[in-house]
Amino acid sequence: MKRIVLIALTVIVVLATAFVVGAFVKLDRYSWATSRSLSAALQNSRSVVLVEHSGGVELARKTATPDEISRLQKVVSVWPRPFVPESYLCWVPRHSIEIVRADGSEMNADVCFSCGKFATEDLPFVAPLPPYLGKTLATYFASVGMAPKTDEEYTKIESSVRNRESKSTSN
């Protein structure tokens, strides 16, 4: 009798564990696939250009050094961990990574720190940015002079750039 109860409990625990793991894999598969795609594109890449932009205005553009490419690769190549994605609807990416792969093909990746999503152009979806990746990626962009800003800060920057442009065209 004790053996049957022990087997039943073991089966229940295994099924519950499988259900939890399966739920996380289903929820997080897009994020993991996007991270893998970005990591693969960075492997032996010919060049990487980091861009910060807002409302059609390019705020900063920087060609990454080999050391910066290596650091970026370490950031996006972290071991995937389960997380519960938060859902925000903004998707206004203000940071981009332009990659020329080892084979010469190009791939762009976009990151929206406001809503916590990211995408690569070779995958047909926008994925939630895992919290463990979002924090380190934001720190990385800050280290190269492109710290993520609030929506209000971007709005102010856009309006000041547009004011300068309108003044220069009216003169």
C-alpha atoms as a PDB file:
ATOM      1  CA  MET A   1       0.000   0.000   0.000  1.00  0.00           C
ATOM      2  CA  LYS A   2       2.803   2.403   0.924  1.00  0.00           C
ATOM      3  CA  ARG A   3       4.525   1.625  -2.341  1.00  0.00           C
ATOM      4  CA  ILE A   4       1.429   2.547  -4.385  1.00  0.00           C
ATOM      5  CA  VAL A   5       1.072   5.860  -2.516  1.00  0.00           C
ATOM      6  CA  LEU A   6       4.768   6.624  -3.065  1.00  0.00           C
ATOM      7  CA  ILE A   7       4.492   5.861  -6.797  1.00  0.00           C
ATOM      8  CA  ALA A   8       1.347   7.987  -7.075  1.00  0.00           C
ATOM      9  CA  LEU A   9       3.019  10.932  -5.301  1.00  0.00           C
ATOM     10  CA  THR A  10       6.096  10.601  -7.505  1.00  0.00           C
ATOM     11  CA  VAL A  11       3.942  10.632 -10.640  1.00  0.00           C
ATOM     12  CA  ILE A  12       2.050  13.696  -9.399  1.00  0.00           C
ATOM     13  CA  VAL A  13       5.275  15.578  -8.619  1.00  0.00           C
ATOM     14  CA  VAL A  14       6.798  14.683 -11.998  1.00  0.00           C
ATOM     15  CA  LEU A  15       3.647  15.757 -13.868  1.00  0.00           C
ATOM     16  CA  ALA A  16       3.413  19.014 -11.911  1.00  0.00           C
ATOM     17  CA  THR A  17       7.080  19.766 -12.614  1.00  0.00           C
ATOM     18  CA  ALA A  18       6.623  18.966 -16.304  1.00  0.00           C
ATOM     19  CA  PHE A  19       3.585  21.249 -16.431  1.00  0.00           C
ATOM     20  CA  VAL A  20       5.448  24.180 -14.826  1.00  0.00           C
ATOM     21  CA  VAL A  21       8.515  23.731 -17.040  1.00  0.00           C
ATOM     22  CA  GLY A  22       6.309  23.384 -20.119  1.00  0.00           C
ATOM     23  CA  ALA A  23       4.400  26.556 -19.225  1.00  0.00           C
ATOM     24  CA  PHE A  24       7.623  28.568 -18.910  1.00  0.00           C
ATOM     25  CA  VAL A  25       8.977  27.150 -22.161  1.00  0.00           C
ATOM     26  CA  LYS A  26       5.743  28.077 -23.931  1.00  0.00           C
ATOM     27  CA  LEU A  27       5.672  31.593 -22.428  1.00  0.00           C
ATOM     28  CA  ASP A  28       9.352  32.357 -22.964  1.00  0.00           C
ATOM     29  CA  ARG A  29      10.087  30.631 -26.284  1.00  0.00           C
ATOM     30  CA  TYR A  30       9.916  33.832 -28.366  1.00  0.00           C
ATOM     31  CA  SER A  31      12.313  35.652 -26.061  1.00  0.00           C
ATOM     32  CA  TRP A  32      14.754  32.773 -26.063  1.00  0.00           C
ATOM     33  CA  ALA A  33      14.582  32.454 -29.863  1.00  0.00           C
ATOM     34  CA  THR A  34      15.192  36.195 -30.313  1.00  0.00           C
ATOM     35  CA  SER A  35      18.125  36.127 -27.926  1.00  0.00           C
ATOM     36  CA  ARG A  36      19.613  33.111 -29.753  1.00  0.00           C
ATOM     37  CA  SER A  37      19.157  34.841 -33.123  1.00  0.00           C
ATOM     38  CA  LEU A  38      20.913  37.988 -31.913  1.00  0.00           C
ATOM     39  CA  SER A  39      23.693  35.967 -30.295  1.00  0.00           C
ATOM     40  CA  ALA A  40      24.248  33.921 -33.471  1.00  0.00           C
ATOM     41  CA  ALA A  41      24.415  37.073 -35.600  1.00  0.00           C
ATOM     42  CA  LEU A  42      27.085  38.521 -33.299  1.00  0.00           C
ATOM     43  CA  GLN A  43      29.294  35.420 -33.597  1.00  0.00           C
ATOM     44  CA  ASN A  44      32.373  36.467 -35.626  1.00  0.00           C
ATOM     45  CA  SER A  45      30.462  39.487 -36.961  1.00  0.00           C
ATOM     46  CA  ARG A  46      32.284  41.813 -39.339  1.00  0.00           C
ATOM     47  CA  SER A  47      30.851  44.951 -37.786  1.00  0.00           C
ATOM     48  CA  VAL A  48      28.286  46.119 -35.261  1.00  0.00           C
ATOM     49  CA  VAL A  49      26.781  49.594 -35.171  1.00  0.00           C
ATOM     50  CA  LEU A  50      24.788  50.763 -32.155  1.00  0.00           C
ATOM     51  CA  VAL A  51      22.105  53.371 -32.772  1.00  0.00           C
ATOM     52  CA  GLU A  52      19.864  55.442 -30.508  1.00  0.00           C
ATOM     53  CA  HIS A  53      16.982  57.180 -32.233  1.00  0.00           C
ATOM     54  CA  SER A  54      13.626  58.722 -31.468  1.00  0.00           C
ATOM     55  CA  GLY A  55      10.823  59.874 -33.716  1.00  0.00           C
ATOM     56  CA  GLY A  56      12.897  59.623 -36.870  1.00  0.00           C
ATOM     57  CA  VAL A  57      15.730  61.591 -35.262  1.00  0.00           C
ATOM     58  CA  GLU A  58      19.042  59.789 -34.874  1.00  0.00           C
ATOM     59  CA  LEU A  59      20.453  60.747 -31.481  1.00  0.00           C
ATOM     60  CA  ALA A  60      23.648  58.682 -31.518  1.00  0.00           C
ATOM     61  CA  ARG A  61      25.452  56.227 -33.779  1.00  0.00           C
ATOM     62  CA  LYS A  62      28.556  54.319 -32.786  1.00  0.00           C
ATOM     63  CA  THR A  63      30.551  51.599 -34.463  1.00  0.00           C
ATOM     64  CA  ALA A  64      31.305  49.085 -31.730  1.00  0.00           C
ATOM     65  CA  THR A  65      34.895  48.160 -30.997  1.00  0.00           C
ATOM     66  CA  PRO A  66      35.865  44.466 -30.824  1.00  0.00           C
ATOM     67  CA  ASP A  67      35.792  44.718 -27.019  1.00  0.00           C
ATOM     68  CA  GLU A  68      32.279  46.222 -27.086  1.00  0.00           C
ATOM     69  CA  ILE A  69      31.106  43.513 -29.482  1.00  0.00           C
ATOM     70  CA  SER A  70      32.499  40.877 -27.140  1.00  0.00           C
ATOM     71  CA  ARG A  71      30.720  42.473 -24.168  1.00  0.00           C
ATOM     72  CA  LEU A  72      27.446  42.674 -26.133  1.00  0.00           C
ATOM     73  CA  GLN A  73      27.790  39.034 -27.084  1.00  0.00           C
ATOM     74  CA  LYS A  74      28.216  38.092 -23.435  1.00  0.00           C
ATOM     75  CA  VAL A  75      25.138  40.153 -22.525  1.00  0.00           C
ATOM     76  CA  VAL A  76      22.813  38.480 -25.056  1.00  0.00           C
ATOM     77  CA  SER A  77      24.295  34.993 -24.701  1.00  0.00           C
ATOM     78  CA  VAL A  78      23.248  34.523 -21.091  1.00  0.00           C
ATOM     79  CA  TRP A  79      21.783  31.190 -20.122  1.00  0.00           C
ATOM     80  CA  PRO A  80      17.991  31.466 -20.549  1.00  0.00           C
ATOM     81  CA  ARG A  81      16.008  31.462 -17.346  1.00  0.00           C
ATOM     82  CA  PRO A  82      12.263  31.245 -16.897  1.00  0.00           C
ATOM     83  CA  PHE A  83      10.437  34.514 -16.330  1.00  0.00           C
ATOM     84  CA  VAL A  84       6.885  35.789 -16.441  1.00  0.00           C
ATOM     85  CA  PRO A  85       6.617  38.295 -19.296  1.00  0.00           C
ATOM     86  CA  GLU A  86       4.913  41.603 -18.663  1.00  0.00           C
ATOM     87  CA  SER A  87       2.766  42.914 -21.479  1.00  0.00           C
ATOM     88  CA  TYR A  88       2.962  46.554 -22.536  1.00  0.00           C
ATOM     89  CA  LEU A  89       1.721  47.808 -25.853  1.00  0.00           C
ATOM     90  CA  CYS A  90       4.024  50.703 -26.751  1.00  0.00           C
ATOM     91  CA  TRP A  91       6.690  49.028 -28.998  1.00  0.00           C
ATOM     92  CA  VAL A  92       8.557  52.203 -29.874  1.00  0.00           C
ATOM     93  CA  PRO A  93      12.109  50.882 -30.188  1.00  0.00           C
ATOM     94  CA  ARG A  94      14.673  53.588 -29.583  1.00  0.00           C
ATOM     95  CA  HIS A  95      17.806  51.443 -29.641  1.00  0.00           C
ATOM     96  CA  SER A  96      19.012  49.405 -32.605  1.00  0.00           C
ATOM     97  CA  ILE A  97      21.865  47.058 -33.279  1.00  0.00           C
ATOM     98  CA  GLU A  98      22.966  46.872 -36.920  1.00  0.00           C
ATOM     99  CA  ILE A  99      25.055  43.757 -37.535  1.00  0.00           C
ATOM    100  CA  VAL A 100      27.053  42.647 -40.552  1.00  0.00           C
ATOM    101  CA  ARG A 101      27.423  38.908 -40.029  1.00  0.00           C
ATOM    102  CA  ALA A 102      30.538  36.896 -40.764  1.00  0.00           C
ATOM    103  CA  ASP A 103      29.058  35.848 -44.141  1.00  0.00           C
ATOM    104  CA  GLY A 104      28.435  39.503 -45.107  1.00  0.00           C
ATOM    105  CA  SER A 105      24.663  39.435 -44.649  1.00  0.00           C
ATOM    106  CA  GLU A 106      23.048  42.132 -42.540  1.00  0.00           C
ATOM    107  CA  MET A 107      20.668  41.866 -39.624  1.00  0.00           C
ATOM    108  CA  ASN A 108      19.094  44.550 -37.468  1.00  0.00           C
ATOM    109  CA  ALA A 109      17.741  44.160 -33.963  1.00  0.00           C
ATOM    110  CA  ASP A 110      15.520  46.674 -32.179  1.00  0.00           C
ATOM    111  CA  VAL A 111      15.051  47.147 -28.438  1.00  0.00           C
ATOM    112  CA  CYS A 112      12.292  49.060 -26.650  1.00  0.00           C
ATOM    113  CA  PHE A 113      13.231  49.552 -23.020  1.00  0.00           C
ATOM    114  CA  SER A 114       9.922  51.376 -22.348  1.00  0.00           C
ATOM    115  CA  CYS A 115       7.754  48.324 -22.954  1.00  0.00           C
ATOM    116  CA  GLY A 116      10.442  45.702 -22.414  1.00  0.00           C
ATOM    117  CA  LYS A 117      10.414  44.090 -25.852  1.00  0.00           C
ATOM    118  CA  PHE A 118      12.965  43.304 -28.533  1.00  0.00           C
ATOM    119  CA  ALA A 119      13.036  41.901 -32.048  1.00  0.00           C
ATOM    120  CA  THR A 120      15.350  40.829 -34.820  1.00  0.00           C
ATOM    121  CA  GLU A 121      14.369  41.244 -38.441  1.00  0.00           C
ATOM    122  CA  ASP A 122      14.910  37.565 -39.217  1.00  0.00           C
ATOM    123  CA  LEU A 123      12.126  36.474 -36.832  1.00  0.00           C
ATOM    124  CA  PRO A 124       8.444  37.301 -37.455  1.00  0.00           C
ATOM    125  CA  PHE A 125       7.578  38.483 -33.942  1.00  0.00           C
ATOM    126  CA  VAL A 126       8.344  40.989 -31.215  1.00  0.00           C
ATOM    127  CA  ALA A 127       9.400  39.196 -28.050  1.00  0.00           C
ATOM    128  CA  PRO A 128       9.277  40.174 -24.392  1.00  0.00           C
ATOM    129  CA  LEU A 129      12.689  41.262 -23.135  1.00  0.00           C
ATOM    130  CA  PRO A 130      13.592  39.023 -20.178  1.00  0.00           C
ATOM    131  CA  PRO A 131      14.273  41.098 -17.040  1.00  0.00           C
ATOM    132  CA  TYR A 132      17.739  39.580 -16.591  1.00  0.00           C
ATOM    133  CA  LEU A 133      18.591  40.563 -20.186  1.00  0.00           C
ATOM    134  CA  GLY A 134      16.865  43.961 -20.148  1.00  0.00           C
ATOM    135  CA  LYS A 135      18.854  45.242 -17.176  1.00  0.00           C
ATOM    136  CA  THR A 136      22.229  44.159 -18.536  1.00  0.00           C
ATOM    137  CA  LEU A 137      21.400  45.406 -22.038  1.00  0.00           C
ATOM    138  CA  ALA A 138      20.377  48.813 -20.636  1.00  0.00           C
ATOM    139  CA  THR A 139      23.645  48.931 -18.685  1.00  0.00           C
ATOM    140  CA  TYR A 140      25.549  48.009 -21.840  1.00  0.00           C
ATOM    141  CA  PHE A 141      23.936  50.802 -23.885  1.00  0.00           C
ATOM    142  CA  ALA A 142      24.621  53.246 -21.038  1.00  0.00           C
ATOM    143  CA  SER A 143      28.289  52.211 -21.068  1.00  0.00           C
ATOM    144  CA  VAL A 144      28.579  53.229 -24.741  1.00  0.00           C
ATOM    145  CA  GLY A 145      26.861  56.575 -24.176  1.00  0.00           C
ATOM    146  CA  MET A 146      23.315  55.607 -25.178  1.00  0.00           C
ATOM    147  CA  ALA A 147      21.556  55.221 -21.846  1.00  0.00           C
ATOM    148  CA  PRO A 148      17.833  54.506 -22.180  1.00  0.00           C
ATOM    149  CA  LYS A 149      15.752  57.546 -21.305  1.00  0.00           C
ATOM    150  CA  THR A 150      12.157  58.058 -20.248  1.00  0.00           C
ATOM    151  CA  ASP A 151       9.449  58.794 -22.803  1.00  0.00           C
ATOM    152  CA  GLU A 152       9.312  62.380 -21.533  1.00  0.00           C
ATOM    153  CA  GLU A 153      13.050  62.839 -22.083  1.00  0.00           C
ATOM    154  CA  TYR A 154      12.773  61.509 -25.639  1.00  0.00           C
ATOM    155  CA  THR A 155       9.824  63.821 -26.329  1.00  0.00           C
ATOM    156  CA  LYS A 156      11.853  66.832 -25.151  1.00  0.00           C
ATOM    157  CA  ILE A 157      14.816  65.807 -27.281  1.00  0.00           C
ATOM    158  CA  GLU A 158      12.619  65.340 -30.348  1.00  0.00           C
ATOM    159  CA  SER A 159      10.950  68.733 -29.921  1.00  0.00           C
ATOM    160  CA  SER A 160      14.282  70.531 -29.394  1.00  0.00           C
ATOM    161  CA  VAL A 161      15.749  68.894 -32.526  1.00  0.00           C
ATOM    162  CA  ARG A 162      12.652  69.811 -34.546  1.00  0.00           C
ATOM    163  CA  ASN A 163      12.820  73.396 -33.247  1.00  0.00           C
ATOM    164  CA  ARG A 164      16.465  73.650 -34.309  1.00  0.00           C
ATOM    165  CA  GLU A 165      15.623  72.199 -37.721  1.00  0.00           C
ATOM    166  CA  SER A 166      12.710  74.593 -38.241  1.00  0.00           C
ATOM    167  CA  LYS A 167      14.875  77.579 -37.231  1.00  0.00           C
ATOM    168  CA  SER A 168      17.648  76.513 -39.605  1.00  0.00           C
ATOM    169  CA  THR A 169      15.234  76.081 -42.534  1.00  0.00           C
ATOM    170  CA  SER A 170      13.546  79.432 -41.888  1.00  0.00           C
ATOM    171  CA  ASN A 171      16.908  81.281 -41.985  1.00  0.00           C
END
